[in-house]
């Protein structure tokens, strides 16, 4: 085989269909858009329109309330933290922050912060910097001589003032 003999497989390259180029092309006149009406036009189409019948999204009941200001925290249990400390993923001499947890692979990404939960047991003294901690988690860490620093975020009222 020579370089000048190399060619594509049969049928691997297909020329694009040129629409609206006469009746003989098979894609002339309406250009593949069918007949008249809204769907033949560009840019207008009623999403969810069911021919006059009440659309599904209006037939179903609406429930609850979605708070658009709700914060999404990473939840970190004491058990998971201890597993990472035992495996040597985290440096105990430095305070454990969100960035340290992400770089160690304990958390996947930084969301709106970290919430420390008291599930499981911890046996290593560690200093933590988190956005929120439950009372049981705080008590368990402080019982070993560690510390839990909760980051105080400025409230929305303070920002506007």
N, C-alpha and C. Protein backbone atom coordinates (compact mmCIF):
# COMPACT_ATOMS: atom_id res chain seq x y z
N UNK A 1 0.85 -1.19 0.00
CA UNK A 1 0.00 0.00 0.00
C UNK A 1 0.89 1.24 0.00
N UNK A 2 0.53 2.22 -0.81
CA UNK A 2 1.29 3.47 -0.91
C UNK A 2 0.41 4.63 -0.44
N UNK A 3 1.06 5.72 -0.03
CA UNK A 3 0.32 6.88 0.47
C UNK A 3 -0.65 7.44 -0.56
N UNK A 4 -0.26 7.38 -1.84
CA UNK A 4 -1.15 7.94 -2.86
C UNK A 4 -2.30 6.99 -3.23
N UNK A 5 -2.30 5.79 -2.63
CA UNK A 5 -3.38 4.83 -2.91
C UNK A 5 -4.42 4.80 -1.78
N UNK A 6 -4.15 5.55 -0.69
CA UNK A 6 -5.08 5.55 0.45
C UNK A 6 -6.34 6.32 0.09
N UNK A 7 -7.49 5.74 0.36
CA UNK A 7 -8.75 6.45 0.14
C UNK A 7 -9.77 6.04 1.20
N UNK A 8 -10.80 6.85 1.35
CA UNK A 8 -11.84 6.57 2.34
C UNK A 8 -12.62 5.32 1.97
N UNK A 9 -13.26 4.74 2.97
CA UNK A 9 -14.15 3.62 2.73
C UNK A 9 -15.33 4.08 1.91
N UNK A 10 -15.90 3.18 1.16
CA UNK A 10 -17.04 3.50 0.30
C UNK A 10 -18.23 3.92 1.17
N UNK A 11 -18.78 5.09 0.89
CA UNK A 11 -19.96 5.56 1.63
C UNK A 11 -19.64 6.32 2.90
N UNK A 12 -18.34 6.53 3.21
CA UNK A 12 -18.00 7.24 4.44
C UNK A 12 -18.17 8.75 4.30
N UNK A 13 -18.03 9.26 3.09
CA UNK A 13 -18.24 10.69 2.86
C UNK A 13 -19.48 10.87 2.01
N UNK A 14 -20.36 11.76 2.46
CA UNK A 14 -21.62 11.97 1.76
C UNK A 14 -21.79 13.46 1.56
N UNK A 15 -22.12 13.88 0.35
CA UNK A 15 -22.30 15.31 0.10
C UNK A 15 -23.61 15.77 0.72
N UNK A 16 -23.62 17.01 1.22
CA UNK A 16 -24.83 17.48 1.91
C UNK A 16 -25.96 17.72 0.92
N UNK A 17 -27.18 17.59 1.40
CA UNK A 17 -28.37 17.76 0.57
C UNK A 17 -28.68 19.25 0.45
N UNK A 18 -28.76 19.74 -0.76
CA UNK A 18 -29.08 21.16 -0.98
C UNK A 18 -30.59 21.26 -1.16
N UNK A 19 -31.24 21.91 -0.20
CA UNK A 19 -32.70 21.98 -0.25
C UNK A 19 -33.17 23.24 -0.97
N UNK A 20 -34.39 23.19 -1.45
CA UNK A 20 -34.99 24.34 -2.12
C UNK A 20 -34.36 24.63 -3.47
N UNK A 21 -33.94 23.59 -4.20
CA UNK A 21 -33.29 23.79 -5.49
C UNK A 21 -34.08 23.11 -6.62
N UNK A 22 -35.38 23.28 -6.60
CA UNK A 22 -36.21 22.78 -7.70
C UNK A 22 -36.87 21.45 -7.40
N UNK A 23 -37.95 21.19 -8.12
CA UNK A 23 -38.78 20.01 -7.89
C UNK A 23 -38.03 18.71 -8.17
N UNK A 24 -37.08 18.76 -9.10
CA UNK A 24 -36.34 17.55 -9.46
C UNK A 24 -35.41 17.05 -8.38
N UNK A 25 -35.04 17.91 -7.45
CA UNK A 25 -34.10 17.49 -6.40
C UNK A 25 -34.78 16.63 -5.33
N UNK A 26 -36.12 16.67 -5.30
CA UNK A 26 -36.84 15.94 -4.25
C UNK A 26 -36.95 16.74 -2.97
N UNK A 27 -36.25 17.85 -2.91
CA UNK A 27 -36.32 18.74 -1.74
C UNK A 27 -36.58 20.17 -2.19
N UNK A 28 -37.37 20.31 -3.24
CA UNK A 28 -37.70 21.64 -3.75
C UNK A 28 -39.00 22.13 -3.13
N UNK A 29 -39.56 23.17 -3.64
CA UNK A 29 -40.82 23.78 -3.21
C UNK A 29 -40.84 24.04 -1.71
N UNK A 30 -41.31 23.12 -0.88
CA UNK A 30 -41.41 23.40 0.56
C UNK A 30 -40.09 23.15 1.28
N UNK A 31 -39.13 22.55 0.64
CA UNK A 31 -37.81 22.34 1.22
C UNK A 31 -37.81 21.45 2.45
N UNK A 32 -38.65 20.43 2.44
CA UNK A 32 -38.67 19.48 3.55
C UNK A 32 -39.47 19.93 4.74
N UNK A 33 -40.12 21.11 4.64
CA UNK A 33 -40.88 21.63 5.78
C UNK A 33 -42.36 21.26 5.73
N UNK A 34 -42.77 20.49 4.74
CA UNK A 34 -44.17 20.09 4.67
C UNK A 34 -45.04 21.19 4.12
N UNK A 35 -46.29 21.24 4.59
CA UNK A 35 -47.26 22.21 4.07
C UNK A 35 -47.13 23.56 4.71
N UNK A 36 -48.30 24.23 4.85
CA UNK A 36 -48.30 25.59 5.38
C UNK A 36 -48.41 25.60 6.90
N UNK A 37 -48.45 26.77 7.43
CA UNK A 37 -48.75 26.90 8.86
C UNK A 37 -47.55 27.21 9.71
N UNK A 38 -47.79 27.17 11.01
CA UNK A 38 -46.80 27.60 11.98
C UNK A 38 -45.51 26.79 11.90
N UNK A 39 -45.62 25.49 11.69
CA UNK A 39 -44.43 24.64 11.71
C UNK A 39 -43.57 24.85 10.47
N UNK A 40 -44.11 25.42 9.41
CA UNK A 40 -43.32 25.69 8.21
C UNK A 40 -42.52 26.98 8.37
N UNK A 41 -42.89 27.79 9.36
CA UNK A 41 -42.23 29.08 9.56
C UNK A 41 -40.97 28.94 10.41
N UNK A 42 -40.14 29.94 10.35
CA UNK A 42 -38.91 29.92 11.13
C UNK A 42 -39.12 30.66 12.45
N UNK A 43 -38.67 30.06 13.54
CA UNK A 43 -38.65 30.75 14.82
C UNK A 43 -39.91 30.69 15.65
N UNK A 44 -41.04 30.23 15.09
CA UNK A 44 -42.26 30.16 15.90
C UNK A 44 -42.75 28.73 16.01
N UNK A 45 -42.92 28.29 17.23
CA UNK A 45 -43.51 26.99 17.47
C UNK A 45 -43.98 27.00 18.90
N UNK A 46 -45.23 26.69 19.15
CA UNK A 46 -45.74 26.68 20.52
C UNK A 46 -45.31 25.37 21.16
N UNK A 47 -44.46 25.47 22.18
CA UNK A 47 -44.02 24.27 22.88
C UNK A 47 -45.14 23.80 23.81
N UNK A 48 -45.45 22.53 23.73
CA UNK A 48 -46.48 21.97 24.60
C UNK A 48 -47.88 22.18 24.10
N UNK A 49 -48.04 22.71 22.87
CA UNK A 49 -49.39 22.92 22.33
C UNK A 49 -49.97 21.58 21.92
N UNK A 50 -51.22 21.31 22.34
CA UNK A 50 -51.85 20.02 22.08
C UNK A 50 -53.13 20.18 21.27
N UNK A 51 -53.09 21.06 20.27
CA UNK A 51 -54.24 21.19 19.38
C UNK A 51 -55.48 21.72 20.04
N UNK A 52 -55.35 22.57 21.02
CA UNK A 52 -56.51 23.14 21.70
C UNK A 52 -56.84 22.45 22.99
N UNK A 53 -56.43 21.18 23.13
CA UNK A 53 -56.62 20.46 24.40
C UNK A 53 -55.73 21.10 25.46
N UNK A 54 -56.18 21.07 26.71
CA UNK A 54 -55.39 21.64 27.80
C UNK A 54 -54.05 20.90 27.90
N UNK A 55 -52.94 21.60 27.75
CA UNK A 55 -51.64 20.93 27.75
C UNK A 55 -51.32 20.23 29.07
N UNK A 56 -50.49 19.22 28.97
CA UNK A 56 -50.14 18.40 30.13
C UNK A 56 -49.58 19.24 31.27
N UNK A 57 -48.71 20.20 30.96
CA UNK A 57 -48.10 21.00 32.02
C UNK A 57 -49.10 21.91 32.70
N UNK A 58 -50.26 22.12 32.12
CA UNK A 58 -51.31 22.90 32.80
C UNK A 58 -52.34 22.00 33.46
N UNK A 59 -52.41 20.72 33.03
CA UNK A 59 -53.35 19.78 33.65
C UNK A 59 -52.85 19.27 34.99
N UNK A 60 -51.53 19.18 35.14
CA UNK A 60 -50.97 18.62 36.37
C UNK A 60 -50.96 19.66 37.49
N UNK A 61 -51.21 19.23 38.74
CA UNK A 61 -51.22 20.19 39.85
C UNK A 61 -49.81 20.66 40.19
N UNK A 62 -49.72 21.90 40.60
CA UNK A 62 -48.44 22.45 41.01
C UNK A 62 -48.38 22.37 42.53
N UNK A 63 -47.22 21.91 43.05
CA UNK A 63 -47.10 21.76 44.50
C UNK A 63 -45.78 22.32 45.00
N UNK A 64 -45.79 22.79 46.22
CA UNK A 64 -44.55 23.18 46.88
C UNK A 64 -44.02 24.53 46.47
N UNK A 65 -42.80 24.75 46.92
CA UNK A 65 -42.14 26.03 46.71
C UNK A 65 -40.66 25.77 46.51
N UNK A 66 -40.09 26.33 45.48
CA UNK A 66 -38.66 26.20 45.23
C UNK A 66 -37.97 27.52 45.56
N UNK A 67 -37.17 27.49 46.60
CA UNK A 67 -36.44 28.68 47.02
C UNK A 67 -35.23 28.86 46.11
N UNK A 68 -35.20 29.93 45.33
CA UNK A 68 -34.10 30.14 44.39
C UNK A 68 -32.83 30.58 45.10
N UNK A 69 -32.93 30.97 46.37
CA UNK A 69 -31.76 31.40 47.13
C UNK A 69 -31.20 30.28 48.01
N UNK A 70 -31.76 29.06 47.89
CA UNK A 70 -31.33 27.94 48.74
C UNK A 70 -29.89 27.58 48.42
N UNK A 71 -29.09 27.38 49.47
CA UNK A 71 -27.69 27.01 49.29
C UNK A 71 -27.56 25.49 49.26
N UNK A 72 -26.66 25.00 48.40
CA UNK A 72 -26.44 23.58 48.25
C UNK A 72 -25.07 23.24 48.84
N UNK A 73 -25.07 22.61 50.02
CA UNK A 73 -23.82 22.31 50.71
C UNK A 73 -23.34 20.89 50.41
N UNK A 74 -22.02 20.70 50.43
CA UNK A 74 -21.44 19.35 50.43
C UNK A 74 -21.61 18.81 51.84
N UNK A 75 -22.12 17.60 51.97
CA UNK A 75 -22.26 17.01 53.30
C UNK A 75 -21.08 16.09 53.57
N UNK A 76 -20.39 16.34 54.68
CA UNK A 76 -19.22 15.56 55.04
C UNK A 76 -19.46 14.94 56.41
N UNK A 77 -19.48 13.62 56.47
CA UNK A 77 -19.67 12.93 57.74
C UNK A 77 -18.32 12.73 58.43
N UNK A 78 -18.37 12.54 59.73
CA UNK A 78 -17.14 12.28 60.49
C UNK A 78 -16.50 10.98 60.03
N UNK A 79 -17.32 10.01 59.67
CA UNK A 79 -16.83 8.70 59.20
C UNK A 79 -16.00 8.86 57.92
N UNK A 80 -16.50 9.64 56.98
CA UNK A 80 -15.81 9.86 55.71
C UNK A 80 -14.52 10.66 55.92
N UNK A 81 -14.59 11.62 56.84
CA UNK A 81 -13.42 12.42 57.17
C UNK A 81 -12.34 11.54 57.79
N UNK A 82 -12.73 10.64 58.69
CA UNK A 82 -11.77 9.73 59.34
C UNK A 82 -11.14 8.78 58.33
N UNK A 83 -11.94 8.29 57.37
CA UNK A 83 -11.41 7.40 56.32
C UNK A 83 -10.31 8.11 55.51
N UNK A 84 -10.55 9.39 55.19
CA UNK A 84 -9.57 10.18 54.43
C UNK A 84 -8.31 10.44 55.26
N UNK A 85 -8.48 10.68 56.56
CA UNK A 85 -7.34 10.91 57.45
C UNK A 85 -6.51 9.65 57.62
N UNK A 86 -7.19 8.50 57.76
CA UNK A 86 -6.51 7.21 57.91
C UNK A 86 -5.72 6.86 56.65
N UNK A 87 -6.31 7.16 55.48
CA UNK A 87 -5.65 6.87 54.21
C UNK A 87 -4.50 7.83 53.92
N UNK A 88 -4.37 8.89 54.71
CA UNK A 88 -3.29 9.85 54.54
C UNK A 88 -3.55 10.85 53.42
N UNK A 89 -4.80 11.01 53.04
CA UNK A 89 -5.14 11.95 51.96
C UNK A 89 -5.09 13.40 52.45
N UNK A 90 -5.35 13.60 53.75
CA UNK A 90 -5.38 14.96 54.31
C UNK A 90 -4.20 15.18 55.26
N UNK A 91 -3.68 16.40 55.26
CA UNK A 91 -2.58 16.78 56.14
C UNK A 91 -3.17 17.29 57.45
N UNK A 92 -2.88 16.58 58.55
CA UNK A 92 -3.46 16.93 59.85
C UNK A 92 -2.83 18.18 60.44
N UNK A 93 -1.59 18.49 60.04
CA UNK A 93 -0.91 19.67 60.59
C UNK A 93 -1.51 20.97 60.09
N UNK A 94 -2.17 20.94 58.95
CA UNK A 94 -2.82 22.13 58.38
C UNK A 94 -4.33 22.08 58.66
N UNK A 95 -5.00 23.24 58.73
CA UNK A 95 -6.46 23.22 58.88
C UNK A 95 -7.10 22.63 57.61
N UNK A 96 -8.11 21.78 57.81
CA UNK A 96 -8.78 21.12 56.68
C UNK A 96 -9.86 22.06 56.15
N UNK A 97 -9.67 22.54 54.92
CA UNK A 97 -10.62 23.46 54.28
C UNK A 97 -11.34 22.75 53.13
N UNK A 98 -12.26 23.46 52.50
CA UNK A 98 -13.00 22.91 51.36
C UNK A 98 -12.03 22.57 50.23
N UNK A 99 -11.08 23.47 49.96
CA UNK A 99 -10.12 23.26 48.88
C UNK A 99 -9.26 22.03 49.13
N UNK A 100 -8.88 21.82 50.40
CA UNK A 100 -8.06 20.65 50.76
C UNK A 100 -8.86 19.36 50.57
N UNK A 101 -10.14 19.40 50.90
CA UNK A 101 -11.01 18.22 50.74
C UNK A 101 -11.20 17.87 49.27
N UNK A 102 -11.33 18.89 48.41
CA UNK A 102 -11.51 18.66 46.98
C UNK A 102 -10.23 18.12 46.35
N UNK A 103 -9.10 18.72 46.70
CA UNK A 103 -7.81 18.27 46.14
C UNK A 103 -7.45 16.86 46.61
N UNK A 104 -7.93 16.48 47.82
CA UNK A 104 -7.67 15.13 48.33
C UNK A 104 -8.63 14.10 47.73
N UNK A 105 -9.66 14.57 47.05
CA UNK A 105 -10.62 13.66 46.43
C UNK A 105 -11.73 13.21 47.36
N UNK A 106 -11.85 13.85 48.52
CA UNK A 106 -12.93 13.51 49.46
C UNK A 106 -14.25 14.08 48.94
N UNK A 107 -14.19 15.31 48.42
CA UNK A 107 -15.36 15.93 47.80
C UNK A 107 -15.09 16.10 46.32
N UNK A 108 -16.13 16.06 45.52
CA UNK A 108 -15.96 16.17 44.07
C UNK A 108 -15.74 17.61 43.63
N UNK A 109 -16.55 18.53 44.18
CA UNK A 109 -16.42 19.93 43.76
C UNK A 109 -16.84 20.85 44.91
N UNK A 110 -16.44 22.09 44.82
CA UNK A 110 -16.84 23.09 45.81
C UNK A 110 -18.24 23.56 45.43
N UNK A 111 -19.20 23.34 46.28
CA UNK A 111 -20.56 23.84 46.01
C UNK A 111 -20.70 25.18 46.74
N UNK A 112 -21.66 25.29 47.64
CA UNK A 112 -21.81 26.52 48.41
C UNK A 112 -21.10 26.42 49.76
N UNK A 113 -20.33 25.36 49.94
CA UNK A 113 -19.60 25.17 51.18
C UNK A 113 -19.72 23.75 51.69
N UNK A 114 -19.26 23.52 52.93
CA UNK A 114 -19.28 22.18 53.53
C UNK A 114 -20.08 22.20 54.81
N UNK A 115 -20.92 21.18 54.97
CA UNK A 115 -21.68 20.99 56.21
C UNK A 115 -21.15 19.72 56.86
N UNK A 116 -20.61 19.85 58.05
CA UNK A 116 -20.05 18.71 58.78
C UNK A 116 -21.15 18.03 59.59
N UNK A 117 -21.33 16.72 59.36
CA UNK A 117 -22.37 15.96 60.04
C UNK A 117 -21.74 15.01 61.05
N UNK A 118 -22.45 14.74 62.14
CA UNK A 118 -21.92 13.92 63.24
C UNK A 118 -22.07 12.44 63.06
N UNK A 119 -22.35 11.94 61.86
CA UNK A 119 -22.51 10.51 61.64
C UNK A 119 -21.15 9.82 61.65
N UNK A 120 -21.04 8.73 62.38
CA UNK A 120 -19.78 8.00 62.46
C UNK A 120 -18.92 8.49 63.60
N UNK A 121 -17.69 7.94 63.66
CA UNK A 121 -16.76 8.32 64.73
C UNK A 121 -15.48 8.86 64.14
N UNK A 122 -14.82 9.71 64.93
CA UNK A 122 -13.53 10.25 64.52
C UNK A 122 -12.53 9.97 65.64
N UNK A 123 -11.31 9.56 65.26
CA UNK A 123 -10.30 9.21 66.26
C UNK A 123 -9.04 10.05 66.13
N UNK A 124 -8.98 10.93 65.14
CA UNK A 124 -7.81 11.76 64.91
C UNK A 124 -8.11 13.21 65.24
N UNK A 125 -7.14 13.88 65.91
CA UNK A 125 -7.30 15.30 66.21
C UNK A 125 -7.12 16.09 64.91
N UNK A 126 -8.07 16.96 64.60
CA UNK A 126 -8.01 17.71 63.35
C UNK A 126 -8.66 19.08 63.52
N UNK A 127 -8.12 20.07 62.80
CA UNK A 127 -8.70 21.41 62.80
C UNK A 127 -9.47 21.58 61.50
N UNK A 128 -10.75 21.91 61.58
CA UNK A 128 -11.61 22.02 60.41
C UNK A 128 -12.09 23.45 60.20
N UNK A 129 -12.19 23.84 58.95
CA UNK A 129 -12.78 25.13 58.58
C UNK A 129 -13.94 24.81 57.65
N UNK A 130 -15.16 24.92 58.17
CA UNK A 130 -16.36 24.56 57.40
C UNK A 130 -17.39 25.69 57.45
N UNK A 131 -18.43 25.55 56.63
CA UNK A 131 -19.48 26.58 56.60
C UNK A 131 -20.57 26.32 57.62
N UNK A 132 -20.74 25.04 58.00
CA UNK A 132 -21.77 24.68 58.96
C UNK A 132 -21.37 23.37 59.62
N UNK A 133 -21.68 23.21 60.89
CA UNK A 133 -21.39 21.96 61.59
C UNK A 133 -22.51 21.67 62.57
N UNK A 134 -22.91 20.41 62.64
CA UNK A 134 -23.93 20.04 63.61
C UNK A 134 -23.29 20.03 65.00
N UNK A 135 -24.13 20.13 66.03
CA UNK A 135 -23.64 20.20 67.41
C UNK A 135 -22.91 18.91 67.78
N UNK A 136 -23.41 17.76 67.31
CA UNK A 136 -22.77 16.48 67.65
C UNK A 136 -21.41 16.36 66.98
N UNK A 137 -21.28 16.84 65.75
CA UNK A 137 -20.01 16.79 65.03
C UNK A 137 -18.99 17.69 65.70
N UNK A 138 -19.42 18.89 66.08
CA UNK A 138 -18.54 19.85 66.75
C UNK A 138 -18.03 19.28 68.07
N UNK A 139 -18.95 18.66 68.83
CA UNK A 139 -18.60 18.08 70.13
C UNK A 139 -17.60 16.93 69.97
N UNK A 140 -17.79 16.09 68.94
CA UNK A 140 -16.91 14.94 68.71
C UNK A 140 -15.50 15.39 68.34
N UNK A 141 -15.37 16.42 67.51
CA UNK A 141 -14.05 16.91 67.09
C UNK A 141 -13.36 17.61 68.25
N UNK A 142 -14.10 18.41 69.01
CA UNK A 142 -13.51 19.16 70.12
C UNK A 142 -13.16 18.26 71.30
N UNK A 143 -13.81 17.10 71.40
CA UNK A 143 -13.50 16.14 72.48
C UNK A 143 -12.10 15.56 72.31
N UNK A 144 -11.61 15.52 71.06
CA UNK A 144 -10.27 15.01 70.78
C UNK A 144 -9.21 16.10 70.80
N UNK A 145 -9.62 17.34 71.09
CA UNK A 145 -8.68 18.45 71.13
C UNK A 145 -8.58 19.21 69.82
N UNK A 146 -9.40 18.83 68.85
CA UNK A 146 -9.43 19.53 67.57
C UNK A 146 -10.32 20.76 67.65
N UNK A 147 -10.45 21.45 66.53
CA UNK A 147 -11.31 22.63 66.52
C UNK A 147 -12.14 22.67 65.25
N UNK A 148 -13.32 23.26 65.37
CA UNK A 148 -14.20 23.46 64.21
C UNK A 148 -14.45 24.94 64.08
N UNK A 149 -13.93 25.54 63.00
CA UNK A 149 -14.15 26.96 62.74
C UNK A 149 -15.25 27.08 61.71
N UNK A 150 -16.31 27.78 62.09
CA UNK A 150 -17.45 27.97 61.18
C UNK A 150 -17.27 29.32 60.49
N UNK A 151 -17.27 29.29 59.16
CA UNK A 151 -17.10 30.51 58.37
C UNK A 151 -18.39 31.31 58.44
N UNK A 152 -18.28 32.54 58.88
CA UNK A 152 -19.45 33.42 58.94
C UNK A 152 -19.60 34.13 57.62
N UNK A 153 -20.72 33.88 56.94
CA UNK A 153 -20.97 34.55 55.67
C UNK A 153 -21.81 35.79 55.93
N UNK A 154 -21.52 36.92 55.26
CA UNK A 154 -22.32 38.11 55.48
C UNK A 154 -23.74 37.89 54.98
N UNK A 155 -24.70 38.38 55.75
CA UNK A 155 -26.10 38.20 55.35
C UNK A 155 -26.46 39.15 54.22
N UNK A 156 -27.57 38.86 53.56
CA UNK A 156 -28.03 39.68 52.43
C UNK A 156 -28.40 41.09 52.90
N UNK A 157 -28.92 41.20 54.12
CA UNK A 157 -29.31 42.49 54.67
C UNK A 157 -28.08 43.38 54.91
N UNK A 158 -26.98 42.76 55.34
CA UNK A 158 -25.76 43.50 55.62
C UNK A 158 -25.12 44.02 54.32
N UNK A 159 -25.27 43.23 53.24
CA UNK A 159 -24.69 43.61 51.95
C UNK A 159 -25.38 44.82 51.35
N UNK A 160 -26.70 44.92 51.53
CA UNK A 160 -27.45 46.02 50.94
C UNK A 160 -27.30 47.32 51.72
N UNK A 161 -26.97 47.21 53.01
CA UNK A 161 -26.85 48.40 53.87
C UNK A 161 -25.60 49.18 53.59
